[in-house]
């Protein structure tokens, strides 16, 4: 298996256009190998003392541990929310060829 440590980063967006635009920038900057957009999720959360329910787009971002800090900084800079969801989950297992591709498509 390749030597990099891999992450799946979850982030929500208000709509597909913004998710697509920022996702494309992350891939172009080579801090993400792949960005998947999952439309029409429903999020229920508390914000400023009120329970909210919104339709959002979930984004799954594949990257390496070495690229995480810059990826998070770019999301914070570009994202329309005051406090975007950015949650990184380690990828413990995966197809060796796919994980190697993540390494090749991202900066070291």
C-alpha atoms as a PDB file:
ATOM      1  CA  UNK A   1       0.000   0.000   0.000  1.00  0.00           C
ATOM      2  CA  UNK A   2       1.254   3.559  -0.710  1.00  0.00           C
ATOM      3  CA  UNK A   3       3.006   5.365   2.155  1.00  0.00           C
ATOM      4  CA  UNK A   4       0.857   8.516   2.425  1.00  0.00           C
ATOM      5  CA  UNK A   5      -1.832   8.925   5.057  1.00  0.00           C
ATOM      6  CA  UNK A   6      -5.168   9.501   3.356  1.00  0.00           C
ATOM      7  CA  UNK A   7      -8.184  11.518   4.469  1.00  0.00           C
ATOM      8  CA  UNK A   8     -11.820  11.882   3.470  1.00  0.00           C
ATOM      9  CA  UNK A   9     -12.876  15.443   4.262  1.00  0.00           C
ATOM     10  CA  UNK A  10     -16.570  16.245   4.609  1.00  0.00           C
ATOM     11  CA  UNK A  11     -17.898  19.735   3.958  1.00  0.00           C
ATOM     12  CA  UNK A  12     -21.394  21.110   3.303  1.00  0.00           C
ATOM     13  CA  UNK A  13     -22.314  23.942   0.932  1.00  0.00           C
ATOM     14  CA  UNK A  14     -25.510  25.949   0.395  1.00  0.00           C
ATOM     15  CA  UNK A  15     -25.770  24.910  -3.270  1.00  0.00           C
ATOM     16  CA  UNK A  16     -24.134  22.851  -6.007  1.00  0.00           C
ATOM     17  CA  UNK A  17     -22.722  25.855  -7.880  1.00  0.00           C
ATOM     18  CA  UNK A  18     -20.607  26.990  -4.916  1.00  0.00           C
ATOM     19  CA  UNK A  19     -19.617  23.414  -4.061  1.00  0.00           C
ATOM     20  CA  UNK A  20     -18.543  22.826  -7.663  1.00  0.00           C
ATOM     21  CA  UNK A  21     -16.616  26.099  -7.902  1.00  0.00           C
ATOM     22  CA  UNK A  22     -14.670  25.582  -4.667  1.00  0.00           C
ATOM     23  CA  UNK A  23     -14.204  21.853  -5.323  1.00  0.00           C
ATOM     24  CA  UNK A  24     -12.720  22.632  -8.723  1.00  0.00           C
ATOM     25  CA  UNK A  25     -10.302  25.109  -7.147  1.00  0.00           C
ATOM     26  CA  UNK A  26      -9.197  22.533  -4.559  1.00  0.00           C
ATOM     27  CA  UNK A  27      -8.436  20.009  -7.313  1.00  0.00           C
ATOM     28  CA  UNK A  28      -6.729  22.668  -9.442  1.00  0.00           C
ATOM     29  CA  UNK A  29      -4.506  23.637  -6.480  1.00  0.00           C
ATOM     30  CA  UNK A  30      -3.683  19.929  -6.037  1.00  0.00           C
ATOM     31  CA  UNK A  31      -4.726  19.903  -2.374  1.00  0.00           C
ATOM     32  CA  UNK A  32      -7.517  17.463  -3.302  1.00  0.00           C
ATOM     33  CA  UNK A  33      -7.424  14.541  -5.712  1.00  0.00           C
ATOM     34  CA  UNK A  34     -11.189  14.190  -6.068  1.00  0.00           C
ATOM     35  CA  UNK A  35     -14.292  16.027  -4.893  1.00  0.00           C
ATOM     36  CA  UNK A  36     -17.692  14.311  -4.938  1.00  0.00           C
ATOM     37  CA  UNK A  37     -20.880  16.389  -4.723  1.00  0.00           C
ATOM     38  CA  UNK A  38     -23.917  14.798  -3.107  1.00  0.00           C
ATOM     39  CA  UNK A  39     -26.918  17.061  -3.744  1.00  0.00           C
ATOM     40  CA  UNK A  40     -30.039  17.559  -1.688  1.00  0.00           C
ATOM     41  CA  UNK A  41     -29.047  16.493   1.795  1.00  0.00           C
ATOM     42  CA  UNK A  42     -31.025  17.928   4.688  1.00  0.00           C
ATOM     43  CA  UNK A  43     -29.142  19.358   7.660  1.00  0.00           C
ATOM     44  CA  UNK A  44     -30.782  19.998  11.021  1.00  0.00           C
ATOM     45  CA  UNK A  45     -28.699  22.036  13.476  1.00  0.00           C
ATOM     46  CA  UNK A  46     -28.777  24.741  16.144  1.00  0.00           C
ATOM     47  CA  UNK A  47     -27.479  28.152  15.083  1.00  0.00           C
ATOM     48  CA  UNK A  48     -27.615  31.311  17.200  1.00  0.00           C
ATOM     49  CA  UNK A  49     -30.134  29.744  19.577  1.00  0.00           C
ATOM     50  CA  UNK A  50     -32.550  28.479  16.909  1.00  0.00           C
ATOM     51  CA  UNK A  51     -33.114  25.030  15.398  1.00  0.00           C
ATOM     52  CA  UNK A  52     -32.554  25.274  11.643  1.00  0.00           C
ATOM     53  CA  UNK A  53     -33.292  22.890   8.789  1.00  0.00           C
ATOM     54  CA  UNK A  54     -31.622  23.539   5.431  1.00  0.00           C
ATOM     55  CA  UNK A  55     -31.107  21.723   2.158  1.00  0.00           C
ATOM     56  CA  UNK A  56     -27.399  21.577   1.377  1.00  0.00           C
ATOM     57  CA  UNK A  57     -24.857  19.841  -0.825  1.00  0.00           C
ATOM     58  CA  UNK A  58     -22.451  17.427   0.903  1.00  0.00           C
ATOM     59  CA  UNK A  59     -18.954  17.286  -0.509  1.00  0.00           C
ATOM     60  CA  UNK A  60     -16.555  14.372  -0.009  1.00  0.00           C
ATOM     61  CA  UNK A  61     -12.945  15.396  -0.600  1.00  0.00           C
ATOM     62  CA  UNK A  62     -10.117  12.875  -0.960  1.00  0.00           C
ATOM     63  CA  UNK A  63      -6.681  14.129   0.047  1.00  0.00           C
ATOM     64  CA  UNK A  64      -3.545  13.307   2.017  1.00  0.00           C
ATOM     65  CA  UNK A  65      -2.623  14.280   5.564  1.00  0.00           C
ATOM     66  CA  UNK A  66       0.220  16.413   4.164  1.00  0.00           C
ATOM     67  CA  UNK A  67      -2.282  18.547   2.217  1.00  0.00           C
ATOM     68  CA  UNK A  68      -4.903  18.915   4.954  1.00  0.00           C
ATOM     69  CA  UNK A  69      -3.784  22.249   6.454  1.00  0.00           C
ATOM     70  CA  UNK A  70      -3.775  24.029   3.119  1.00  0.00           C
ATOM     71  CA  UNK A  71      -7.042  22.364   2.063  1.00  0.00           C
ATOM     72  CA  UNK A  72      -8.747  23.548   5.267  1.00  0.00           C
ATOM     73  CA  UNK A  73      -7.284  27.065   4.901  1.00  0.00           C
ATOM     74  CA  UNK A  74      -8.562  27.298   1.316  1.00  0.00           C
ATOM     75  CA  UNK A  75     -12.037  26.116   2.329  1.00  0.00           C
ATOM     76  CA  UNK A  76     -12.122  28.678   5.169  1.00  0.00           C
ATOM     77  CA  UNK A  77     -11.018  31.411   2.749  1.00  0.00           C
ATOM     78  CA  UNK A  78     -13.420  30.569  -0.096  1.00  0.00           C
ATOM     79  CA  UNK A  79     -16.502  29.170   1.672  1.00  0.00           C
ATOM     80  CA  UNK A  80     -19.628  31.355   1.958  1.00  0.00           C
ATOM     81  CA  UNK A  81     -20.506  30.186   5.514  1.00  0.00           C
ATOM     82  CA  UNK A  82     -19.165  31.965   8.610  1.00  0.00           C
ATOM     83  CA  UNK A  83     -18.196  28.587  10.064  1.00  0.00           C
ATOM     84  CA  UNK A  84     -18.045  25.880   7.388  1.00  0.00           C
ATOM     85  CA  UNK A  85     -18.131  22.222   8.335  1.00  0.00           C
ATOM     86  CA  UNK A  86     -14.691  20.751   7.714  1.00  0.00           C
ATOM     87  CA  UNK A  87     -14.311  17.262   9.172  1.00  0.00           C
ATOM     88  CA  UNK A  88     -11.444  14.963   8.228  1.00  0.00           C
ATOM     89  CA  UNK A  89     -11.803  11.201   8.637  1.00  0.00           C
ATOM     90  CA  UNK A  90      -8.792   8.938   8.123  1.00  0.00           C
ATOM     91  CA  UNK A  91      -9.035   6.412   5.301  1.00  0.00           C
ATOM     92  CA  UNK A  92      -7.737   3.259   6.956  1.00  0.00           C
ATOM     93  CA  UNK A  93      -8.161   0.910   3.988  1.00  0.00           C
ATOM     94  CA  UNK A  94      -8.655   1.315   0.274  1.00  0.00           C
ATOM     95  CA  UNK A  95      -7.683  -0.040  -3.107  1.00  0.00           C
ATOM     96  CA  UNK A  96      -3.937   0.402  -3.410  1.00  0.00           C
ATOM     97  CA  UNK A  97      -4.171   1.761  -6.962  1.00  0.00           C
ATOM     98  CA  UNK A  98      -6.779   4.364  -5.955  1.00  0.00           C
ATOM     99  CA  UNK A  99      -4.802   5.482  -2.903  1.00  0.00           C
ATOM    100  CA  UNK A 100      -1.693   5.758  -5.064  1.00  0.00           C
ATOM    101  CA  UNK A 101      -3.680   7.914  -7.486  1.00  0.00           C
ATOM    102  CA  UNK A 102      -4.620  10.267  -4.616  1.00  0.00           C
ATOM    103  CA  UNK A 103      -0.892  10.664  -3.898  1.00  0.00           C
ATOM    104  CA  UNK A 104      -0.126  11.355  -7.554  1.00  0.00           C
ATOM    105  CA  UNK A 105      -2.907  13.957  -7.924  1.00  0.00           C
ATOM    106  CA  UNK A 106      -2.011  15.957  -4.809  1.00  0.00           C
ATOM    107  CA  UNK A 107       1.071  17.920  -3.831  1.00  0.00           C
ATOM    108  CA  UNK A 108       3.590  16.306  -1.553  1.00  0.00           C
END
